[in-house]
Protein backbone atom coordinates (compact mmCIF):
# COMPACT_ATOMS: atom_id res chain seq x y z
CA UNK A 1 -15.46 7.48 34.65
CA UNK A 2 -13.74 4.67 32.77
CA UNK A 3 -10.16 5.16 31.58
CA UNK A 4 -8.22 3.50 28.79
CA UNK A 5 -6.27 1.52 31.42
CA UNK A 6 -9.49 -0.39 32.17
CA UNK A 7 -10.32 -1.32 28.57
CA UNK A 8 -9.88 -4.88 27.33
CA UNK A 9 -7.39 -5.04 24.48
CA UNK A 10 -7.05 -4.83 21.59
CA UNK A 11 -9.30 -1.77 21.49
CA UNK A 12 -9.85 0.90 18.86
CA UNK A 13 -9.52 4.39 20.34
CA UNK A 14 -10.89 7.55 18.76
CA UNK A 15 -9.52 10.85 20.04
CA UNK A 16 -12.54 13.15 19.93
CA UNK A 17 -10.63 16.45 19.89
CA UNK A 18 -8.40 15.28 17.04
CA UNK A 19 -11.37 13.96 15.05
CA UNK A 20 -13.26 17.24 15.38
CA UNK A 21 -10.20 19.19 14.27
CA UNK A 22 -9.81 16.99 11.20
CA UNK A 23 -13.45 17.44 10.22
CA UNK A 24 -13.29 21.22 10.60
CA UNK A 25 -10.12 21.55 8.55
CA UNK A 26 -11.47 19.55 5.60
CA UNK A 27 -14.74 21.48 5.64
CA UNK A 28 -12.75 24.72 5.51
CA UNK A 29 -10.49 23.32 2.78
CA UNK A 30 -13.49 22.55 0.58
CA UNK A 31 -14.90 26.03 1.12
CA UNK A 32 -11.52 27.49 0.16
CA UNK A 33 -11.41 25.42 -3.05
CA UNK A 34 -15.05 26.08 -3.93
CA UNK A 35 -16.24 22.46 -3.94
CA UNK A 36 -18.92 20.48 -2.10
CA UNK A 37 -17.75 17.81 0.32
CA UNK A 38 -19.31 14.36 0.00
CA UNK A 39 -17.18 12.38 2.48
CA UNK A 40 -16.53 8.68 1.99
CA UNK A 41 -17.85 6.98 5.11
CA UNK A 42 -16.18 3.63 4.37
CA UNK A 43 -13.24 4.89 6.45
CA UNK A 44 -15.14 5.14 9.72
CA UNK A 45 -18.48 3.35 9.04
CA UNK A 46 -19.82 5.32 12.00
CA UNK A 47 -23.12 7.20 12.23
CA UNK A 48 -21.86 9.65 14.85
CA UNK A 49 -18.86 10.69 12.75
CA UNK A 50 -21.03 11.11 9.66
CA UNK A 51 -23.41 13.31 11.64
CA UNK A 52 -20.46 15.48 12.60
CA UNK A 53 -19.47 15.75 8.95
CA UNK A 54 -23.01 16.71 7.99
CA UNK A 55 -23.19 19.37 10.71
CA UNK A 56 -20.11 20.96 9.14
CA UNK A 57 -21.79 21.18 5.74
CA UNK A 58 -21.14 17.87 4.02
CA UNK A 59 -23.47 17.48 1.03
CA UNK A 60 -24.47 13.83 1.15
CA UNK A 61 -22.17 10.88 1.73
CA UNK A 62 -20.22 8.32 -0.27
CA UNK A 63 -20.33 4.57 0.48
CA UNK A 64 -18.56 1.46 -0.79
CA UNK A 65 -21.26 -1.13 -0.07
CA UNK A 66 -25.03 -1.37 -0.16
CA UNK A 67 -24.97 -2.35 3.52
CA UNK A 68 -23.35 0.98 4.31
CA UNK A 69 -25.95 2.71 2.16
CA UNK A 70 -28.84 1.00 3.98
CA UNK A 71 -27.48 1.67 7.46
CA UNK A 72 -26.88 5.35 6.78
CA UNK A 73 -30.25 5.70 5.03
CA UNK A 74 -31.93 4.33 8.14
CA UNK A 75 -30.04 6.95 10.16
CA UNK A 76 -31.56 9.74 8.05
CA UNK A 77 -28.97 10.26 5.30
CA UNK A 78 -30.95 10.65 2.08
CA UNK A 79 -28.33 11.63 -0.54
CA UNK A 80 -25.94 8.71 -1.02
CA UNK A 81 -23.45 7.85 -3.76
CA UNK A 82 -22.45 4.20 -4.06
CA UNK A 83 -18.97 4.83 -5.50
CA UNK A 84 -18.24 1.27 -6.55
CA UNK A 85 -18.68 -0.26 -10.03
CA UNK A 86 -22.25 -1.51 -10.13
CA UNK A 87 -22.64 -5.15 -9.04
CA UNK A 88 -25.34 -6.50 -11.35
CA UNK A 89 -26.50 -9.18 -8.91
CA UNK A 90 -27.21 -6.48 -6.28
CA UNK A 91 -29.44 -4.33 -8.48
CA UNK A 92 -32.72 -5.54 -6.87
CA UNK A 93 -31.43 -4.33 -3.47
CA UNK A 94 -30.38 -1.04 -5.01
CA UNK A 95 -33.85 -0.60 -6.54
CA UNK A 96 -35.44 -0.97 -3.10
CA UNK A 97 -33.08 1.62 -1.64
CA UNK A 98 -33.56 4.03 -4.56
CA UNK A 99 -37.27 4.19 -3.66
CA UNK A 100 -36.33 5.76 -0.31
CA UNK A 101 -33.26 7.94 -0.93
CA UNK A 102 -31.44 9.73 -3.71
CA UNK A 103 -29.10 6.90 -4.66
CA UNK A 104 -26.22 7.53 -7.02
CA UNK A 105 -24.67 4.48 -8.68
CA UNK A 106 -21.45 4.18 -10.62
CA UNK A 107 -20.95 2.51 -14.00
CA UNK A 108 -18.22 2.09 -16.59
CA UNK A 109 -19.97 -0.30 -19.01
CA UNK A 110 -23.00 -0.33 -21.29
CA UNK A 111 -23.98 -3.67 -19.74
CA UNK A 112 -24.46 -1.99 -16.37
CA UNK A 113 -26.54 0.81 -17.91
CA UNK A 114 -28.81 -1.66 -19.72
CA UNK A 115 -29.34 -3.60 -16.49
CA UNK A 116 -30.27 -0.39 -14.64
CA UNK A 117 -32.57 0.82 -17.42
CA UNK A 118 -34.43 -2.49 -17.37
CA UNK A 119 -35.54 -1.85 -13.77
CA UNK A 120 -37.36 1.39 -14.57
CA UNK A 121 -36.03 2.80 -11.28
CA UNK A 122 -34.93 6.46 -11.04
CA UNK A 123 -31.22 5.95 -10.45
CA UNK A 124 -28.75 8.82 -10.57
CA UNK A 125 -25.94 7.33 -12.64
CA UNK A 126 -22.31 8.44 -12.52
CA UNK A 127 -19.82 7.56 -15.24
CA UNK A 128 -16.63 6.29 -13.63
CA UNK A 129 -13.62 7.82 -15.41
CA UNK A 130 -10.04 6.58 -15.21
CA UNK A 131 -7.87 9.61 -14.49
CA UNK A 132 -4.61 7.70 -14.10
CA UNK A 133 -5.25 5.19 -11.31
CA UNK A 134 -6.01 2.38 -13.81
CA UNK A 135 -8.21 0.39 -11.44
CA UNK A 136 -11.66 0.95 -12.92
CA UNK A 137 -13.36 3.48 -15.15
CA UNK A 138 -13.51 4.29 -18.84
CA UNK A 139 -10.61 5.87 -20.64
CA UNK A 140 -11.52 9.53 -21.13
CA UNK A 141 -10.56 9.32 -24.80
CA UNK A 142 -12.58 6.18 -25.54
CA UNK A 143 -15.85 5.85 -27.44
CA UNK A 144 -17.41 4.41 -24.25
CA UNK A 145 -16.85 7.74 -22.51
CA UNK A 146 -19.48 9.20 -24.85
CA UNK A 147 -21.64 6.16 -25.57
CA UNK A 148 -22.42 5.38 -21.92
CA UNK A 149 -23.72 8.87 -20.97
CA UNK A 150 -25.69 8.98 -24.23
CA UNK A 151 -27.37 5.67 -23.38
CA UNK A 152 -28.15 6.88 -19.83
CA UNK A 153 -29.91 9.93 -21.25
CA UNK A 154 -31.82 7.85 -23.82
CA UNK A 155 -33.18 5.49 -21.16
CA UNK A 156 -36.05 7.75 -20.16
CA UNK A 157 -35.81 6.78 -16.49
CA UNK A 158 -32.15 7.19 -15.55
CA UNK A 159 -30.56 10.51 -14.71
CA UNK A 160 -27.00 11.23 -15.79
CA UNK A 161 -25.39 12.53 -12.58
CA UNK A 162 -22.02 13.39 -14.13
CA UNK A 163 -18.40 12.23 -14.10
CA UNK A 164 -16.77 10.53 -11.13
CA UNK A 165 -13.11 9.66 -10.61
CA UNK A 166 -10.79 8.64 -7.80
CA UNK A 167 -7.17 9.77 -7.62
CA UNK A 168 -6.03 6.62 -5.82
CA UNK A 169 -2.72 6.92 -7.64
CA UNK A 170 -1.97 9.83 -5.30
CA UNK A 171 -1.11 7.20 -2.69
CA UNK A 172 1.97 6.39 -4.76
CA UNK A 173 2.99 10.04 -4.85
CA UNK A 174 6.70 10.60 -4.32
CA UNK A 175 6.35 14.12 -2.90
CA UNK A 176 3.67 16.72 -2.12
CA UNK A 177 4.38 18.32 -5.50
CA UNK A 178 3.92 15.00 -7.29
CA UNK A 179 0.61 14.43 -5.49
CA UNK A 180 -0.54 17.93 -6.47
CA UNK A 181 0.23 17.16 -10.13
CA UNK A 182 -1.84 13.96 -9.90
CA UNK A 183 -4.76 15.94 -8.45
CA UNK A 184 -4.52 18.58 -11.17
CA UNK A 185 -4.40 15.90 -13.85
CA UNK A 186 -7.57 14.37 -12.43
CA UNK A 187 -9.25 17.79 -12.56
CA UNK A 188 -8.11 18.38 -16.14
CA UNK A 189 -9.26 14.96 -17.38
CA UNK A 190 -12.75 15.51 -15.98
CA UNK A 191 -12.98 18.99 -17.43
CA UNK A 192 -11.77 17.95 -20.87
CA UNK A 193 -14.22 15.04 -21.02
CA UNK A 194 -17.01 17.38 -19.92
CA UNK A 195 -16.25 19.65 -22.88
CA UNK A 196 -16.22 16.64 -25.21
CA UNK A 197 -19.61 15.47 -23.95
CA UNK A 198 -21.22 18.89 -24.02
CA UNK A 199 -20.07 19.37 -27.62
CA UNK A 200 -22.20 16.31 -28.37
CA UNK A 201 -25.22 17.73 -26.57
CA UNK A 202 -24.72 15.80 -23.30
CA UNK A 203 -24.91 18.06 -20.29
CA UNK A 204 -22.57 17.12 -17.42
CA UNK A 205 -24.23 18.26 -14.15
CA UNK A 206 -21.35 17.43 -11.80
CA UNK A 207 -17.72 16.40 -11.70
CA UNK A 208 -16.80 14.41 -8.57
CA UNK A 209 -13.17 13.73 -7.70
CA UNK A 210 -10.60 13.44 -5.00
CA UNK A 211 -8.84 11.45 -2.32
CA UNK A 212 -7.37 12.43 1.02
CA UNK A 213 -3.77 12.88 -0.21
CA UNK A 214 -4.87 14.82 -3.29
CA UNK A 215 -7.06 17.12 -1.16
CA UNK A 216 -4.07 17.84 1.07
CA UNK A 217 -1.97 19.11 -1.83
CA UNK A 218 -4.24 20.38 -4.63
CA UNK A 219 -4.26 24.15 -5.18
CA UNK A 220 -6.94 24.59 -7.86
CA UNK A 221 -10.11 22.57 -8.48
CA UNK A 222 -11.76 24.83 -11.05
CA UNK A 223 -14.47 22.83 -12.84
CA UNK A 224 -14.74 20.14 -10.15
CA UNK A 225 -18.00 20.46 -8.22
CA UNK A 226 -17.55 17.95 -5.37
CA UNK A 227 -14.87 15.87 -3.68
CA UNK A 228 -15.06 12.56 -1.82
CA UNK A 229 -12.13 12.13 0.59
CA UNK A 230 -12.68 9.66 3.40
CA UNK A 231 -9.49 8.92 5.30
CA UNK A 232 -9.10 12.53 6.46
CA UNK A 233 -11.50 11.97 9.36
CA UNK A 234 -9.06 9.58 11.06
CA UNK A 235 -5.79 9.66 9.09
CA UNK A 236 -3.09 6.98 9.60
CA UNK A 237 0.64 6.41 9.19
CA UNK A 238 0.38 6.24 5.40
CA UNK A 239 -1.11 9.74 5.39
CA UNK A 240 1.70 10.94 7.66
CA UNK A 241 4.25 9.56 5.21
CA UNK A 242 2.43 11.26 2.32
CA UNK A 243 2.50 14.61 4.18
CA UNK A 244 -1.31 14.72 4.34
CA UNK A 245 -1.21 15.14 8.11
CA UNK A 246 0.96 15.09 11.21
CA UNK A 247 1.24 12.39 13.85
CA UNK A 248 -0.90 14.54 16.13
CA UNK A 249 -3.74 14.54 13.59
CA UNK A 250 -4.12 10.74 13.61
CA UNK A 251 -7.42 10.33 15.46
CA UNK A 252 -7.64 6.51 15.51
CA UNK A 253 -5.18 4.30 17.36
CA UNK A 254 -5.19 0.68 18.43
CA UNK A 255 -4.59 0.10 22.14
CA UNK A 256 -2.69 -3.16 22.65
CA UNK A 257 -1.18 -5.09 25.57
CA UNK A 258 2.29 -6.57 25.68
CA UNK A 259 1.87 -10.32 26.24
CA UNK A 260 5.41 -11.65 25.72
CA UNK A 261 8.99 -10.35 25.71
CA UNK A 262 12.18 -11.94 24.35
CA UNK A 263 15.44 -10.54 25.66
CA UNK A 264 17.60 -12.61 23.28
CA UNK A 265 16.49 -10.73 20.15
CA UNK A 266 15.00 -7.73 21.96
CA UNK A 267 11.46 -8.09 20.68
CA UNK A 268 8.03 -8.21 22.25
CA UNK A 269 4.58 -9.42 21.24
CA UNK A 270 1.34 -7.46 21.55
CA UNK A 271 -2.23 -8.70 21.25
CA UNK A 272 -2.92 -6.68 18.09
CA UNK A 273 -2.32 -8.74 14.98
CA UNK A 274 -3.60 -8.56 11.42
CA UNK A 275 -7.19 -8.76 12.68
CA UNK A 276 -6.67 -5.48 14.52
CA UNK A 277 -4.15 -3.60 12.39
CA UNK A 278 -4.80 -5.21 8.99
CA UNK A 279 -1.93 -6.47 6.86
CA UNK A 280 -1.60 -3.30 4.81
CA UNK A 281 2.06 -3.05 3.77
CA UNK A 282 2.22 0.65 4.50
CA UNK A 283 3.37 3.63 2.48
CA UNK A 284 5.63 2.71 -0.44
CA UNK A 285 7.75 5.86 -0.04
CA UNK A 286 9.06 4.91 3.42
CA UNK A 287 12.39 3.08 3.50
CA UNK A 288 11.80 1.40 6.88
CA UNK A 289 9.15 -1.31 6.56
CA UNK A 290 6.52 -1.03 9.27
CA UNK A 291 3.23 -2.70 10.10
CA UNK A 292 2.27 0.09 12.48
CA UNK A 293 3.97 2.85 14.47
CA UNK A 294 3.86 3.21 18.26
CA UNK A 295 3.07 6.49 19.97
CA UNK A 296 5.38 7.91 22.57
CA UNK A 297 4.15 7.68 26.17
CA UNK A 298 5.44 11.15 26.89
CA UNK A 299 4.50 13.26 23.87
CA UNK A 300 1.09 12.81 22.20
CA UNK A 301 2.33 14.09 18.84
CA UNK A 302 5.44 11.91 18.62
CA UNK A 303 6.40 8.31 17.86
CA UNK A 304 8.68 6.03 19.80
CA UNK A 305 12.01 6.20 18.01
CA UNK A 306 13.19 2.61 18.51
CA UNK A 307 9.98 0.59 18.48
CA UNK A 308 7.52 -0.32 15.72
CA UNK A 309 5.41 -3.28 14.62
CA UNK A 310 7.72 -5.58 12.68
CA UNK A 311 5.35 -8.35 11.61
CA UNK A 312 1.81 -9.58 12.08
CA UNK A 313 0.17 -12.94 12.54
CA UNK A 314 -3.58 -13.28 12.90
CA UNK A 315 -3.62 -12.15 16.55
CA UNK A 316 0.08 -11.49 17.26
CA UNK A 317 1.99 -8.30 16.59
CA UNK A 318 5.77 -8.55 16.85
CA UNK A 319 7.38 -5.37 18.16
CA UNK A 320 10.97 -4.19 17.95
CA UNK A 321 12.21 -3.53 21.48
CA UNK A 322 11.42 -5.07 24.83
CA UNK A 323 8.47 -3.91 26.92
CA UNK A 324 7.29 -5.18 30.32
CA UNK A 325 4.59 -7.84 30.04
CA UNK A 326 1.27 -6.21 30.89
CA UNK A 327 2.27 -2.76 29.68
CA UNK A 328 0.21 -1.07 26.97
CA UNK A 329 1.01 0.74 23.75
CA UNK A 330 -1.02 2.85 21.31
CA UNK A 331 -0.42 1.98 17.68
CA UNK A 332 -1.06 4.13 14.61
CA UNK A 333 -2.10 1.68 11.88
CA UNK A 334 -0.80 1.90 8.35
CA UNK A 335 -4.35 2.04 6.99
CA UNK A 336 -7.10 3.20 9.30
CA UNK A 337 -9.93 2.21 6.91
CA UNK A 338 -8.91 -1.46 7.07
CA UNK A 339 -8.12 -1.36 10.76
CA UNK A 340 -11.53 0.12 11.61
CA UNK A 341 -13.18 -2.70 9.66
CA UNK A 342 -11.65 -5.15 12.15
CA UNK A 343 -13.56 -3.71 15.14
CA UNK A 344 -17.18 -3.43 16.27
CA UNK A 345 -16.86 -0.05 17.95
CA UNK A 346 -14.70 2.98 18.71
CA UNK A 347 -13.93 3.87 22.29
CA UNK A 348 -14.18 7.67 22.13
CA UNK A 349 -11.52 9.24 24.33
CA UNK A 350 -10.08 12.52 25.49
CA UNK A 351 -6.65 11.80 26.85
CA UNK A 352 -7.03 8.63 28.92
CA UNK A 353 -10.69 9.28 29.72
CA UNK A 354 -13.25 7.13 27.89
CA UNK A 355 -16.20 9.34 26.93
CA UNK A 356 -18.40 7.04 24.84
CA UNK A 357 -18.64 3.98 22.62
CA UNK A 358 -19.62 4.48 18.94
CA UNK A 359 -20.65 1.51 16.81
CA UNK A 360 -18.93 0.60 13.54
CA UNK A 361 -21.30 -0.62 10.81
CA UNK A 362 -18.98 -3.16 9.24
CA UNK A 363 -21.31 -6.01 8.26
CA UNK A 364 -21.70 -6.94 4.62
C-alpha cells in the first residue's frame, strides 16, 4: 500500500474520514433547518465527492461553469443549477445540455431573458437577487426585480424557478453573530421580494440561498427552500478563521517538500507556490498575514505555532522557520476551492495511507 511519503510533491491530499464527517454534518444541518441541500461542486469538482453528497440526500447540484455541468451530467446528475450570471455567448451549449438534464440558469437582466426565450428551450430560470454582497443580482426593491420574472412567465417556454442569492458578504463577517445577521438578512430579503412578486400574481416556487459561513451560523431559514454551500466539503483556513469549522475538519491539505533552507533569516522554501496554494490573501479578520498554515507533525488537529507560508511565487512557497531539506509539510490553504483548481486529482488518504486517486474536473 502506498503512503504519503512516497507521493511526488506538491500533492493534494483528501482525508476521507474528515470529508465524510463534513458531508454528514451539513446534511444533518439542512434537515435541522428544514431546507434542501444543493451543494456547490465548484469547490471539489470531483464526481466521487458529489456522489457522497447525493447519497446523503443532496437534491441536485450547483455548478459555476458549463464544463462542470456537462461532466456531472455525464456522470448521471440530472438536476443542475448553473449559478453564474448567464453568459450569452454560451447559450447554444446550454440549450444542448438542457435537452438532457433539468438545467437551471441564472439571470439578472431582461437582455438575458430575451436571449433565452429566443431559443425556445425549456430552461428553468432563476432571478439572481442582491442580498447585500453587491457582486451581481438585481436590487430587491428595483423595478427589474418584478419585470424580469414577469417576462420569464410571459415567454411561454421558460419556467420561473424562483429567487437565488449568495451571501458572499458573510466572508467579511467580523464574528459568528455578525455572520448570522448577514444570513438572516439574506433570508428576509428573499422572503420580502417573494411577497412583492406574489402580490403581483407571480408565484415564486423556490428561494435558494446560502454560503458555507452563513450555514455555520444561521439559526432560522423560514421561507428559504434550498441552500447551496460548497466549501463545507473540504473547508480551509479562511473557514477556520470565520469559525465555520475547526482545524481538524479541514479535509484538503497540500503536501509539499522543503527544497531550500536559509539560516541567516530563518526561512525555508517549499515546492508549493501560487500554482498549488493559489494567491488568495486569506481571511480579512486575521491580524497575522498568511498564505497558508502548516499542520503540526504531532497533533492532527493543530497547527505549527511558529511556521506558516509567508509569500508565494509561481512554484515557490516561502516558509517562516527552518526545516531540513527533504522534509515534508502539510499545508492548509487559505481557499480550498482555488487550491483544488490547481490540481488534476486528490490523493485520498487515511492517516499516511493512500487509499485512492480521485480526478478533479477542472478544465474549462
